[in-house]
Protein backbone atom coordinates (compact mmCIF):
# COMPACT_ATOMS: atom_id res chain seq x y z
CA MET A 1 0.04 -0.21 0.19
CA GLU A 2 0.84 3.66 -0.57
CA THR A 3 2.47 5.54 2.34
CA LYS A 4 0.61 8.63 3.33
CA VAL A 5 2.91 11.41 4.06
CA GLY A 6 2.45 14.64 5.61
CA TRP A 7 4.00 17.76 6.01
CA ILE A 8 3.41 20.41 8.55
CA GLY A 9 5.56 23.70 8.38
CA THR A 10 6.20 25.57 4.86
CA GLY A 11 9.12 28.20 5.62
CA VAL A 12 11.68 28.81 3.50
CA MET A 13 13.27 24.93 4.19
CA GLY A 14 9.94 23.26 4.66
CA HIS A 15 8.82 24.43 1.56
CA SER A 16 11.47 23.02 -1.00
CA MET A 17 11.63 19.62 1.41
CA ALA A 18 7.49 19.15 0.60
CA MET A 19 8.27 20.15 -2.97
CA ARG A 20 10.91 17.76 -3.52
CA LEU A 21 8.41 14.83 -2.36
CA LEU A 22 6.16 16.14 -4.27
CA LYS A 23 8.12 16.38 -7.63
CA LYS A 24 8.59 12.81 -6.49
CA ASN A 25 4.79 11.96 -6.88
CA ILE A 26 4.41 11.17 -3.64
CA PRO A 27 1.49 12.73 -2.66
CA LEU A 28 1.34 15.24 0.71
CA VAL A 29 -1.43 16.73 3.38
CA VAL A 30 -0.15 19.87 4.25
CA HIS A 31 -0.51 22.40 6.86
CA ASN A 32 0.80 25.67 7.94
CA ARG A 33 -0.10 28.04 10.10
CA SER A 34 0.01 30.80 7.12
CA GLU A 35 -2.08 28.70 4.91
CA SER A 36 -0.94 31.10 1.92
CA LYS A 37 2.57 29.83 2.11
CA THR A 38 0.99 26.31 1.22
CA LYS A 39 -0.78 27.99 -2.28
CA GLU A 40 2.24 26.53 -4.38
CA LEU A 41 2.33 22.70 -3.07
CA ILE A 42 -1.64 22.67 -3.43
CA LYS A 43 -1.40 23.54 -6.92
CA GLU A 44 1.08 21.06 -7.29
CA GLY A 45 -1.42 18.65 -5.99
CA ALA A 46 -0.88 18.62 -2.14
CA LEU A 47 -4.11 18.34 0.04
CA TRP A 48 -4.45 21.17 2.86
CA ALA A 49 -5.26 19.84 6.58
CA GLU A 50 -6.77 22.36 9.01
CA SER A 51 -4.31 21.16 11.57
CA PRO A 52 -1.52 19.75 12.98
CA CYS A 53 -3.98 16.52 14.59
CA GLU A 54 -5.51 16.05 10.67
CA VAL A 55 -2.31 15.11 8.99
CA ALA A 56 -1.64 12.91 11.75
CA LYS A 57 -5.25 11.05 11.24
CA GLN A 58 -4.51 11.28 7.25
CA THR A 59 -1.00 9.87 7.12
CA ASP A 60 1.58 7.52 7.87
CA VAL A 61 4.37 9.42 7.90
CA ILE A 62 3.96 12.72 9.05
CA PHE A 63 7.48 15.45 8.81
CA GLN A 64 7.54 18.79 10.32
CA MET A 65 9.78 21.62 10.05
CA VAL A 66 8.74 24.66 12.12
CA GLY A 67 10.70 27.49 13.69
CA LEU A 68 11.16 27.87 17.19
CA PRO A 69 11.12 25.24 20.15
CA LYS A 70 8.07 26.59 21.41
CA ASP A 71 6.09 25.99 17.76
CA VAL A 72 7.86 22.45 17.76
CA GLU A 73 6.19 21.77 21.25
CA GLN A 74 2.70 23.50 20.42
CA CYS A 75 2.54 21.57 16.90
CA THR A 76 3.27 18.35 18.41
CA LEU A 77 2.06 18.30 21.75
CA GLY A 78 -0.17 20.99 22.05
CA GLU A 79 -3.89 21.80 21.37
CA LYS A 80 -4.83 20.06 17.93
CA GLY A 81 -1.03 18.93 17.73
CA VAL A 82 0.00 15.21 16.14
CA LEU A 83 0.36 13.78 19.03
CA GLU A 84 -3.79 14.23 19.27
CA GLY A 85 -4.24 12.59 16.32
CA ILE A 86 -1.62 10.11 15.73
CA SER A 87 -2.28 6.41 16.20
CA GLU A 88 0.20 3.07 16.85
CA GLY A 89 2.71 2.33 13.88
CA LYS A 90 2.59 5.43 12.60
CA ILE A 91 6.08 7.72 12.36
CA PHE A 92 6.76 11.08 13.15
CA VAL A 93 9.45 12.69 12.17
CA ASP A 94 10.65 16.14 13.45
CA MET A 95 13.49 18.12 11.38
CA THR A 96 13.45 21.43 13.44
CA THR A 97 16.49 22.14 14.84
CA SER A 98 14.96 22.26 18.46
CA SER A 99 16.32 21.30 21.65
CA PRO A 100 17.47 18.10 22.95
CA SER A 101 15.31 17.65 25.97
CA LEU A 102 12.39 18.61 24.01
CA ALA A 103 13.17 15.68 21.65
CA GLN A 104 13.31 13.15 24.30
CA LYS A 105 10.24 14.61 25.59
CA ILE A 106 8.08 14.13 22.16
CA GLY A 107 9.56 10.61 21.88
CA GLU A 108 8.65 9.44 25.29
CA ALA A 109 5.13 11.00 24.48
CA PHE A 110 4.42 9.43 21.37
CA LYS A 111 5.86 6.09 22.88
CA ALA A 112 3.34 5.49 25.40
CA LYS A 113 0.55 5.76 22.13
CA LYS A 114 3.13 3.23 20.52
CA ALA A 115 4.01 5.52 17.59
CA LEU A 116 7.45 6.07 16.85
CA THR A 117 9.39 9.29 16.61
CA LEU A 118 13.05 10.77 15.30
CA ASP A 119 14.21 14.25 15.92
CA ALA A 120 16.25 14.53 12.09
CA PRO A 121 17.70 18.58 12.00
CA VAL A 122 19.22 19.50 8.79
CA SER A 123 21.98 21.44 7.82
CA GLY A 124 22.68 22.56 4.16
CA GLY A 125 20.74 25.62 3.96
CA ASP A 126 17.98 26.95 1.10
CA ILE A 127 20.13 25.35 -1.64
CA GLY A 128 20.31 21.96 -0.03
CA ALA A 129 16.50 22.07 0.76
CA ARG A 130 15.91 23.05 -2.67
CA GLU A 131 18.75 20.29 -4.48
CA GLY A 132 17.91 17.27 -2.09
CA THR A 133 21.84 17.55 -0.78
CA LEU A 134 21.16 18.84 2.86
CA SER A 135 23.51 16.46 5.79
CA ILE A 136 20.50 14.87 8.03
CA MET A 137 21.07 13.91 11.80
CA VAL A 138 18.44 11.61 12.96
CA GLY A 139 17.79 10.34 16.34
CA GLY A 140 14.77 8.09 18.02
CA ASP A 141 14.00 5.06 16.58
CA GLU A 142 16.20 2.85 14.87
CA LYS A 143 13.87 1.13 13.05
CA ALA A 144 11.85 4.07 12.09
CA PHE A 145 15.20 5.59 10.80
CA GLN A 146 15.98 2.55 8.44
CA SER A 147 12.00 2.51 7.01
CA LEU A 148 12.30 6.08 5.86
CA GLU A 149 15.32 5.02 3.18
CA LYS A 150 13.47 6.44 0.56
CA PHE A 151 12.26 9.56 1.60
CA TRP A 152 15.81 10.10 3.01
CA ASP A 153 17.35 9.51 -0.48
CA ILE A 154 14.76 12.28 -1.59
CA LEU A 155 15.87 15.67 1.02
CA GLY A 156 19.45 14.72 1.65
CA LYS A 157 22.74 13.50 0.73
CA THR A 158 24.32 12.73 4.26
CA VAL A 159 21.72 11.14 6.14
CA VAL A 160 23.32 9.27 9.63
CA TYR A 161 21.69 7.98 12.36
CA GLN A 162 23.45 9.45 15.59
CA GLY A 163 21.21 7.51 18.45
CA PRO A 164 18.33 7.32 20.39
CA TYR A 165 15.89 10.21 20.63
CA GLY A 166 17.76 13.84 21.30
CA ALA A 167 20.90 12.50 19.84
CA GLY A 168 20.36 14.37 16.17
CA GLN A 169 19.95 17.39 17.82
CA HIS A 170 23.16 17.06 19.76
CA THR A 171 24.70 16.19 16.39
CA LYS A 172 23.02 19.38 14.50
CA MET A 173 24.13 21.62 18.13
CA VAL A 174 27.59 20.51 17.02
CA ASN A 175 27.17 21.50 13.34
CA GLN A 176 25.96 25.47 14.77
CA ILE A 177 28.57 25.86 16.90
CA LEU A 178 31.26 25.07 13.97
CA ILE A 179 29.48 27.62 11.95
CA ALA A 180 28.99 30.16 13.92
CA THR A 181 32.67 31.16 14.43
CA ASN A 182 33.25 30.11 10.81
CA MET A 183 30.73 32.91 9.85
CA ILE A 184 33.09 35.07 11.94
CA GLY A 185 35.85 34.49 10.22
CA VAL A 186 34.31 34.96 6.88
CA CYS A 187 32.83 38.18 7.19
CA GLU A 188 35.96 39.48 8.76
CA GLY A 189 37.72 38.18 6.01
CA LEU A 190 35.55 39.57 2.98
CA LEU A 191 35.54 43.17 5.13
CA TYR A 192 39.47 43.36 5.44
CA ALA A 193 39.39 42.30 1.31
CA TYR A 194 37.12 45.48 0.98
CA ARG A 195 38.93 47.66 3.10
CA SER A 196 42.32 46.94 1.98
CA GLY A 197 41.38 47.71 -1.90
CA MET A 198 41.83 44.05 -3.41
CA ASP A 199 39.11 42.74 -5.50
CA PRO A 200 37.49 40.72 -3.52
CA TRP A 201 36.30 38.70 -6.04
CA LYS A 202 39.46 37.59 -7.07
CA VAL A 203 41.21 36.92 -3.31
CA LEU A 204 37.93 34.80 -2.57
CA GLU A 205 39.71 32.46 -5.99
CA SER A 206 42.49 32.63 -4.47
CA VAL A 207 41.18 31.30 -0.64
CA GLU A 208 38.27 29.48 -1.09
CA SER A 209 40.33 26.36 -2.20
CA GLY A 210 43.35 26.49 0.33
CA ALA A 211 43.38 25.65 3.99
CA ALA A 212 40.73 28.66 4.39
CA ALA A 213 38.07 26.99 2.50
CA SER A 214 34.72 25.86 3.98
CA TRP A 215 30.28 25.65 2.77
CA SER A 216 29.91 28.92 4.26
CA LEU A 217 32.90 30.50 2.39
CA SER A 218 32.17 29.60 -0.99
CA GLN A 219 28.20 30.11 -0.32
CA LEU A 220 27.87 32.34 1.99
CA GLY A 221 30.88 34.28 1.25
CA ARG A 222 29.71 34.86 -2.64
CA ARG A 223 25.99 35.86 -1.25
CA VAL A 224 28.01 38.74 0.46
CA LEU A 225 30.08 39.70 -2.42
CA ASP A 226 27.02 40.10 -4.40
CA LYS A 227 25.35 42.01 -1.87
CA ASN A 228 22.68 39.51 -1.23
CA PHE A 229 21.29 39.72 2.24
CA GLU A 230 18.37 37.71 2.13
CA PRO A 231 17.96 34.95 3.91
CA GLY A 232 18.75 31.24 2.85
CA PHE A 233 18.62 30.29 6.83
CA TYR A 234 17.57 33.51 9.29
CA VAL A 235 19.54 35.46 11.85
CA GLU A 236 16.96 35.34 14.21
CA HIS A 237 17.07 31.55 13.83
CA PHE A 238 20.46 30.99 14.35
CA ILE A 239 20.42 33.14 17.02
CA LYS A 240 17.78 30.59 18.43
CA ASP A 241 19.99 27.69 17.56
CA MET A 242 23.27 29.61 18.98
CA GLY A 243 21.27 30.11 22.83
CA LEU A 244 19.97 26.05 22.68
CA ALA A 245 23.54 25.43 22.52
CA LEU A 246 24.97 27.66 25.10
CA ASP A 247 22.12 26.22 27.24
CA GLU A 248 23.34 22.41 26.62
CA ALA A 249 26.68 23.42 27.06
CA LYS A 250 26.03 25.35 30.39
CA LYS A 251 24.36 21.58 31.38
CA MET A 252 27.71 20.41 31.08
CA ASN A 253 29.81 22.83 32.65
CA LEU A 254 31.24 23.26 28.95
CA SER A 255 33.01 26.54 28.13
CA LEU A 256 32.25 27.83 24.60
CA PRO A 257 33.56 31.70 24.38
CA GLY A 258 33.94 31.70 20.58
CA LEU A 259 30.50 30.39 19.96
CA ALA A 260 29.38 33.21 22.85
CA LEU A 261 31.03 35.71 21.13
CA ALA A 262 29.44 35.24 17.88
CA HIS A 263 26.15 34.88 19.69
CA GLN A 264 26.19 38.26 20.70
CA LEU A 265 27.03 39.55 17.60
CA TYR A 266 24.40 38.33 15.97
CA ILE A 267 22.33 39.69 18.78
CA ALA A 268 23.31 43.19 17.57
CA LEU A 269 22.69 42.42 14.24
CA LYS A 270 19.09 41.78 14.99
CA ALA A 271 19.01 45.05 17.10
CA GLN A 272 20.26 46.98 14.09
CA GLY A 273 17.23 45.54 11.97
CA GLY A 274 18.71 42.09 10.45
CA GLY A 275 16.82 39.67 12.22
CA LYS A 276 15.03 38.61 8.98
CA LYS A 277 18.01 38.70 6.73
CA GLY A 278 20.35 35.59 6.32
CA THR A 279 23.34 34.92 8.53
CA GLN A 280 25.78 36.23 5.39
CA ALA A 281 24.05 39.52 7.09
CA LEU A 282 26.67 39.50 9.68
CA PHE A 283 28.88 41.37 7.50
CA LEU A 284 26.85 44.30 7.83
CA ALA A 285 27.00 44.87 11.79
CA LEU A 286 30.77 44.15 11.27
CA SER A 287 30.91 46.76 9.00
CA GLU A 288 28.76 49.18 11.12
CA LEU A 289 31.66 48.38 14.22
CA SER A 290 34.56 49.59 11.94
CA PRO A 291 33.50 52.56 10.18
CA SER A 292 34.85 53.45 6.70
CA MET A 293 37.71 56.55 6.86
CA GLU A 294 36.54 58.14 3.59
């Protein structure tokens, strides 16, 4: 029998991921807080559901990609949430970057209803979501993970089972810690190239293939040089992720000064009105810290 699939959350990432499933002729039932953001998916054949609960009732596998941990909790455990509509044997996959403790709480709640859960946050931004090249970090029920292989193949390039409930989220924390200070280096380096009078495109050509190479430099560095600060990943969501990682580090009595610095710089960027911009907009905040001599 054909697996019935649900998708909750059709923002920058979720929309592209859901569209990839539709393009592979996988029928979808979709829900988003703002129904208008599902119009393109519905035009392509998706069916609309009034609530996460209704998505769960109508489908066998439910994917979710929303904004904040509070959204995860509301859509999953709240009134008319997924838990209310799910039944034995169904699989719920939360792909939002959220807290490991919340993933564990969700896992135990669904286990009581004999339903299976996975926490499966992703990395790769809007480009990875559109092209199906995301890195997907998965925690939760291992058998459920194995049963969804055809979906992982559509959505991602690197898909790794990390362990029990919350393990996917812990892995994503590592990912965001690595990105945070790297973004400072990318933006400071490009700002230096500009201020020293160099051609920044030629500088990028030289440095992106050497020891300084990174995805952020090659992908987001180019957006900086194009003066494109639109989101592949929102600044305000990155601030949320760094806050989660700092909270988890505190529980482990772990000092992460580089992450703390990046967190503060991005808070400053948000205060300047950059919360809805992409993470590469840190370049703008650093520029403000060092006004031109001209």
